[in-house]
Amino acid sequence: MDTKFSVALHILAYISETSRQVSSEALAQSVGTNASYIRKVVALLKRADLIVSHQGKTGYQLTRLPEEISLLDIYRATQEVEQIRLFHTHQQPNQACPVGKHIEQAISPLFAKVERQLELELAHQTLAQVIANLYQSAGQQSV
């Protein structure tokens, strides 16, 4: 997995918790990356209807309350998938080998179970929890 998911969490938390208009440049500075990468992640979040921007205005807004945005929503938006696929089996195991011939069938159910558990966990976690963790980490009431 690349960093788009964690960058999206950063972006969404920032948008949620600031009272001012947020530009790609300001987000890039906060994330520690360049504005073009931020715009790519923002485009994914917009496509998933998690944020909006208005023509002629600088800044972004959440389309829902942080409590209503699951981490699974964000993961799916940034990874551009409907189902989590973290694990992949190697392409060409030796079919003449007793292990190689059956390894995919042996490990695929295990991989699928872990991926389903991750989906369930992400579905039950929200952006609001990330924001609460931010405040707790900062040891204060506002970031």
C-alpha atoms as a PDB file:
ATOM      1  CA  MET A   1       0.000   0.000   0.000  1.00  0.00           C
ATOM      2  CA  ASP A   2       1.267   3.474  -0.790  1.00  0.00           C
ATOM      3  CA  THR A   3       0.932   6.590   1.362  1.00  0.00           C
ATOM      4  CA  LYS A   4      -2.246   7.998  -0.217  1.00  0.00           C
ATOM      5  CA  PHE A   5      -4.380   6.581   2.607  1.00  0.00           C
ATOM      6  CA  SER A   6      -2.391   8.223   5.411  1.00  0.00           C
ATOM      7  CA  VAL A   7      -2.049  11.446   3.407  1.00  0.00           C
ATOM      8  CA  ALA A   8      -5.823  11.464   2.892  1.00  0.00           C
ATOM      9  CA  LEU A   9      -6.371  11.060   6.637  1.00  0.00           C
ATOM     10  CA  HIS A  10      -4.033  14.016   7.205  1.00  0.00           C
ATOM     11  CA  ILE A  11      -5.830  16.127   4.596  1.00  0.00           C
ATOM     12  CA  LEU A  12      -9.309  15.311   5.890  1.00  0.00           C
ATOM     13  CA  ALA A  13      -8.362  15.959   9.519  1.00  0.00           C
ATOM     14  CA  TYR A  14      -6.797  19.277   8.537  1.00  0.00           C
ATOM     15  CA  ILE A  15      -9.856  20.333   6.534  1.00  0.00           C
ATOM     16  CA  SER A  16     -12.158  19.292   9.350  1.00  0.00           C
ATOM     17  CA  GLU A  17     -10.318  21.128  12.073  1.00  0.00           C
ATOM     18  CA  THR A  18      -9.390  24.420  10.459  1.00  0.00           C
ATOM     19  CA  SER A  19     -11.658  27.423  10.314  1.00  0.00           C
ATOM     20  CA  ARG A  20      -9.899  28.965   7.330  1.00  0.00           C
ATOM     21  CA  GLN A  21      -9.886  28.140   3.633  1.00  0.00           C
ATOM     22  CA  VAL A  22      -7.326  25.440   2.882  1.00  0.00           C
ATOM     23  CA  SER A  23      -5.282  25.470  -0.315  1.00  0.00           C
ATOM     24  CA  SER A  24      -3.317  22.610  -1.850  1.00  0.00           C
ATOM     25  CA  GLU A  25      -0.158  24.512  -0.964  1.00  0.00           C
ATOM     26  CA  ALA A  26      -1.116  24.762   2.722  1.00  0.00           C
ATOM     27  CA  LEU A  27      -1.985  21.068   2.779  1.00  0.00           C
ATOM     28  CA  ALA A  28       1.294  20.194   1.061  1.00  0.00           C
ATOM     29  CA  GLN A  29       3.220  22.165   3.645  1.00  0.00           C
ATOM     30  CA  SER A  30       1.407  20.392   6.491  1.00  0.00           C
ATOM     31  CA  VAL A  31       1.869  16.940   4.937  1.00  0.00           C
ATOM     32  CA  GLY A  32       5.453  17.624   3.924  1.00  0.00           C
ATOM     33  CA  THR A  33       5.041  16.919   0.231  1.00  0.00           C
ATOM     34  CA  ASN A  34       4.407  18.854  -2.948  1.00  0.00           C
ATOM     35  CA  ALA A  35       1.122  20.438  -3.955  1.00  0.00           C
ATOM     36  CA  SER A  36       0.771  18.290  -7.086  1.00  0.00           C
ATOM     37  CA  TYR A  37       0.693  15.105  -4.969  1.00  0.00           C
ATOM     38  CA  ILE A  38      -1.892  16.724  -2.692  1.00  0.00           C
ATOM     39  CA  ARG A  39      -4.023  17.589  -5.727  1.00  0.00           C
ATOM     40  CA  LYS A  40      -3.909  13.926  -6.835  1.00  0.00           C
ATOM     41  CA  VAL A  41      -5.122  12.738  -3.436  1.00  0.00           C
ATOM     42  CA  VAL A  42      -7.712  15.529  -3.279  1.00  0.00           C
ATOM     43  CA  ALA A  43      -9.029  14.455  -6.693  1.00  0.00           C
ATOM     44  CA  LEU A  44      -9.561  10.924  -5.336  1.00  0.00           C
ATOM     45  CA  LEU A  45     -11.370  12.285  -2.273  1.00  0.00           C
ATOM     46  CA  LYS A  46     -13.552  14.502  -4.458  1.00  0.00           C
ATOM     47  CA  ARG A  47     -14.356  11.609  -6.797  1.00  0.00           C
ATOM     48  CA  ALA A  48     -15.484   9.601  -3.756  1.00  0.00           C
ATOM     49  CA  ASP A  49     -17.633  12.561  -2.639  1.00  0.00           C
ATOM     50  CA  LEU A  50     -15.763  12.950   0.653  1.00  0.00           C
ATOM     51  CA  ILE A  51     -14.822  16.593  -0.009  1.00  0.00           C
ATOM     52  CA  VAL A  52     -15.968  19.387  -2.275  1.00  0.00           C
ATOM     53  CA  SER A  53     -14.471  22.577  -3.584  1.00  0.00           C
ATOM     54  CA  HIS A  54     -16.250  25.480  -5.164  1.00  0.00           C
ATOM     55  CA  GLN A  55     -15.323  27.041  -8.490  1.00  0.00           C
ATOM     56  CA  GLY A  56     -13.546  30.326  -8.017  1.00  0.00           C
ATOM     57  CA  LYS A  57     -12.924  29.754  -4.298  1.00  0.00           C
ATOM     58  CA  THR A  58      -9.831  28.436  -2.599  1.00  0.00           C
ATOM     59  CA  GLY A  59     -10.319  25.564  -0.222  1.00  0.00           C
ATOM     60  CA  TYR A  60     -12.145  22.348   0.447  1.00  0.00           C
ATOM     61  CA  GLN A  61     -14.983  21.197   2.696  1.00  0.00           C
ATOM     62  CA  LEU A  62     -16.018  17.801   3.987  1.00  0.00           C
ATOM     63  CA  THR A  63     -19.283  16.557   2.503  1.00  0.00           C
ATOM     64  CA  ARG A  64     -20.207  14.744   5.729  1.00  0.00           C
ATOM     65  CA  LEU A  65     -19.424  15.012   9.393  1.00  0.00           C
ATOM     66  CA  PRO A  66     -16.219  13.259  10.485  1.00  0.00           C
ATOM     67  CA  GLU A  67     -18.346  10.762  12.441  1.00  0.00           C
ATOM     68  CA  GLU A  68     -20.017   9.755   9.177  1.00  0.00           C
ATOM     69  CA  ILE A  69     -16.820   9.095   7.208  1.00  0.00           C
ATOM     70  CA  SER A  70     -15.418   5.638   7.812  1.00  0.00           C
ATOM     71  CA  LEU A  71     -11.788   4.790   7.334  1.00  0.00           C
ATOM     72  CA  LEU A  72     -12.995   2.184   4.851  1.00  0.00           C
ATOM     73  CA  ASP A  73     -14.582   4.972   2.768  1.00  0.00           C
ATOM     74  CA  ILE A  74     -11.244   6.770   2.749  1.00  0.00           C
ATOM     75  CA  TYR A  75      -9.261   3.609   2.030  1.00  0.00           C
ATOM     76  CA  ARG A  76     -11.480   2.708  -0.915  1.00  0.00           C
ATOM     77  CA  ALA A  77     -11.255   6.242  -2.284  1.00  0.00           C
ATOM     78  CA  THR A  78      -7.485   6.463  -2.096  1.00  0.00           C
ATOM     79  CA  GLN A  79      -6.707   2.948  -3.243  1.00  0.00           C
ATOM     80  CA  GLU A  80      -9.441   3.047  -5.921  1.00  0.00           C
ATOM     81  CA  VAL A  81     -10.780  -0.381  -4.975  1.00  0.00           C
ATOM     82  CA  GLU A  82     -14.072  -1.812  -3.809  1.00  0.00           C
ATOM     83  CA  GLN A  83     -12.467  -4.628  -1.853  1.00  0.00           C
ATOM     84  CA  ILE A  84      -9.212  -4.722   0.082  1.00  0.00           C
ATOM     85  CA  ARG A  85      -6.521  -6.834  -1.555  1.00  0.00           C
ATOM     86  CA  LEU A  86      -3.343  -6.545   0.494  1.00  0.00           C
ATOM     87  CA  PHE A  87      -1.921  -9.942  -0.242  1.00  0.00           C
ATOM     88  CA  HIS A  88      -1.153 -11.393  -3.623  1.00  0.00           C
ATOM     89  CA  THR A  89       0.160 -14.840  -4.410  1.00  0.00           C
ATOM     90  CA  HIS A  90       3.222 -15.213  -6.546  1.00  0.00           C
ATOM     91  CA  GLN A  91       2.532 -15.604 -10.233  1.00  0.00           C
ATOM     92  CA  GLN A  92       4.161 -18.822 -11.394  1.00  0.00           C
ATOM     93  CA  PRO A  93       4.730 -21.464  -8.732  1.00  0.00           C
ATOM     94  CA  ASN A  94       6.158 -24.688 -10.094  1.00  0.00           C
ATOM     95  CA  GLN A  95       3.181 -26.931 -10.848  1.00  0.00           C
ATOM     96  CA  ALA A  96       5.423 -30.029 -10.763  1.00  0.00           C
ATOM     97  CA  CYS A  97       6.226 -29.301  -7.102  1.00  0.00           C
ATOM     98  CA  PRO A  98       3.667 -30.565  -4.547  1.00  0.00           C
ATOM     99  CA  VAL A  99       3.906 -27.275  -2.629  1.00  0.00           C
ATOM    100  CA  GLY A 100       3.966 -25.074  -5.729  1.00  0.00           C
ATOM    101  CA  LYS A 101       0.918 -26.855  -7.149  1.00  0.00           C
ATOM    102  CA  HIS A 102      -1.254 -26.175  -4.077  1.00  0.00           C
ATOM    103  CA  ILE A 103       0.214 -23.102  -2.392  1.00  0.00           C
ATOM    104  CA  GLU A 104      -2.316 -20.643  -3.798  1.00  0.00           C
ATOM    105  CA  GLN A 105      -5.270 -22.719  -2.572  1.00  0.00           C
ATOM    106  CA  ALA A 106      -3.554 -23.114   0.803  1.00  0.00           C
ATOM    107  CA  ILE A 107      -2.896 -19.437   1.477  1.00  0.00           C
ATOM    108  CA  SER A 108      -5.678 -17.614  -0.391  1.00  0.00           C
ATOM    109  CA  PRO A 109      -8.356 -18.375   2.251  1.00  0.00           C
ATOM    110  CA  LEU A 110      -6.047 -17.082   4.988  1.00  0.00           C
ATOM    111  CA  PHE A 111      -5.335 -13.902   3.053  1.00  0.00           C
ATOM    112  CA  ALA A 112      -9.048 -13.386   2.337  1.00  0.00           C
ATOM    113  CA  LYS A 113      -9.932 -13.785   6.030  1.00  0.00           C
ATOM    114  CA  VAL A 114      -7.374 -11.165   7.117  1.00  0.00           C
ATOM    115  CA  GLU A 115      -8.527  -8.765   4.392  1.00  0.00           C
ATOM    116  CA  ARG A 116     -12.186  -9.176   5.467  1.00  0.00           C
ATOM    117  CA  GLN A 117     -11.224  -8.482   9.095  1.00  0.00           C
ATOM    118  CA  LEU A 118      -9.367  -5.341   8.041  1.00  0.00           C
ATOM    119  CA  GLU A 119     -12.400  -4.161   6.059  1.00  0.00           C
ATOM    120  CA  LEU A 120     -14.650  -4.702   9.083  1.00  0.00           C
ATOM    121  CA  GLU A 121     -12.266  -2.821  11.362  1.00  0.00           C
ATOM    122  CA  LEU A 122     -11.877   0.100   8.950  1.00  0.00           C
ATOM    123  CA  ALA A 123     -15.662   0.230   8.503  1.00  0.00           C
ATOM    124  CA  HIS A 124     -16.062   0.703  12.276  1.00  0.00           C
ATOM    125  CA  GLN A 125     -13.406   3.419  12.605  1.00  0.00           C
ATOM    126  CA  THR A 126     -14.147   6.979  11.556  1.00  0.00           C
ATOM    127  CA  LEU A 127     -12.382  10.187  10.707  1.00  0.00           C
ATOM    128  CA  ALA A 128     -13.716  11.522  14.018  1.00  0.00           C
ATOM    129  CA  GLN A 129     -11.630   8.911  15.840  1.00  0.00           C
ATOM    130  CA  VAL A 130      -8.520   9.992  13.953  1.00  0.00           C
ATOM    131  CA  ILE A 131      -9.244  13.585  14.942  1.00  0.00           C
ATOM    132  CA  ALA A 132      -9.803  12.589  18.586  1.00  0.00           C
ATOM    133  CA  ASN A 133      -6.454  10.767  18.509  1.00  0.00           C
ATOM    134  CA  LEU A 134      -4.857  13.916  17.107  1.00  0.00           C
ATOM    135  CA  TYR A 135      -6.109  15.997  20.020  1.00  0.00           C
ATOM    136  CA  GLN A 136      -5.084  13.341  22.493  1.00  0.00           C
ATOM    137  CA  SER A 137      -1.620  13.157  20.960  1.00  0.00           C
ATOM    138  CA  ALA A 138      -1.325  16.931  21.062  1.00  0.00           C
ATOM    139  CA  GLY A 139      -2.520  16.906  24.678  1.00  0.00           C
ATOM    140  CA  GLN A 140      -4.906  19.753  24.092  1.00  0.00           C
ATOM    141  CA  GLN A 141      -8.406  20.686  23.051  1.00  0.00           C
ATOM    142  CA  SER A 142      -7.483  22.104  19.651  1.00  0.00           C
ATOM    143  CA  VAL A 143      -4.790  21.254  17.140  1.00  0.00           C
END
